[in-house]
Protein backbone atom coordinates (compact mmCIF):
# COMPACT_ATOMS: atom_id res chain seq x y z
CA MET A 1 0.00 0.00 0.00
CA SER A 2 1.09 3.59 -0.44
CA LEU A 3 -0.06 7.12 0.11
CA LYS A 4 -1.19 9.64 -2.47
CA ILE A 5 -1.42 13.40 -2.46
CA SER A 6 -4.92 14.72 -2.95
CA GLU A 7 -6.06 17.76 -4.91
CA ASP A 8 -5.99 19.66 -1.60
CA CYS A 9 -2.21 19.99 -2.03
CA VAL A 10 -1.03 23.60 -2.01
CA ALA A 11 2.46 22.67 -3.31
CA CYS A 12 4.20 24.09 -0.24
CA GLY A 13 6.98 21.49 -0.46
CA VAL A 14 7.29 20.57 3.21
CA CYS A 15 6.71 16.89 2.43
CA LEU A 16 9.48 16.58 -0.15
CA PRO A 17 12.51 16.43 2.18
CA GLU A 18 10.66 14.24 4.70
CA CYS A 19 10.35 11.18 2.44
CA PRO A 20 13.09 8.67 3.29
CA VAL A 21 12.80 6.90 -0.09
CA SER A 22 12.39 9.97 -2.33
CA ALA A 23 8.93 8.87 -3.52
CA ILE A 24 7.58 12.44 -3.72
CA ALA A 25 8.02 14.57 -6.83
CA GLU A 26 7.24 18.20 -7.62
CA GLY A 27 4.55 19.15 -10.06
CA GLU A 28 1.57 21.47 -10.20
CA ILE A 29 0.71 19.56 -7.05
CA TYR A 30 3.13 17.11 -5.50
CA VAL A 31 2.77 13.42 -6.35
CA ILE A 32 3.81 10.19 -4.64
CA ASP A 33 5.20 7.31 -6.70
CA ALA A 34 3.11 4.36 -5.49
CA LYS A 35 5.82 1.88 -6.53
CA THR A 36 8.42 3.61 -4.36
CA CYS A 37 6.32 4.66 -1.32
CA VAL A 38 6.74 2.43 1.73
CA GLU A 39 4.57 4.57 4.05
CA CYS A 40 7.80 5.15 6.01
CA LYS A 41 7.73 1.56 7.31
CA GLY A 42 11.16 0.71 8.59
CA TYR A 43 12.03 4.40 8.91
CA PHE A 44 9.38 6.06 11.11
CA ASP A 45 6.33 5.04 13.15
CA ALA A 46 3.97 6.92 10.80
CA PRO A 47 4.16 8.45 7.31
CA LYS A 48 6.18 11.66 7.64
CA CYS A 49 4.52 13.39 4.68
CA ALA A 50 1.13 13.04 6.35
CA GLU A 51 2.53 14.30 9.66
CA VAL A 52 3.97 17.51 8.20
CA CYS A 53 1.32 18.35 5.58
CA PRO A 54 -0.46 21.57 6.62
CA VAL A 55 -3.62 20.74 4.60
CA ASP A 56 -3.79 16.98 5.24
CA ALA A 57 -3.34 16.20 1.53
CA CYS A 58 -1.31 13.01 2.08
CA VAL A 59 -3.92 10.27 2.29
CA PRO A 60 -4.11 6.47 1.80
CA ALA A 61 -4.15 5.48 -1.86
C-alpha cells in the first residue's frame, strides 16, 4: 500500500525532504510514486509526509 497526495495539495513542499525513499516529486501539485512509497515503514512510526502536511493532503491510496 502507499499514500497519495490529494487535490488539496497547495504545493508548499514541506513533504518533499521528509520522504526517506524519495517517492515524492514536484509538479503542479506534489505526487507520490506508489511503486516507491513504503509509508515510512522501517524508517518512522507513521508516514512523515502526512505528519507535516499543513492541509492533510497526504492520504491512503
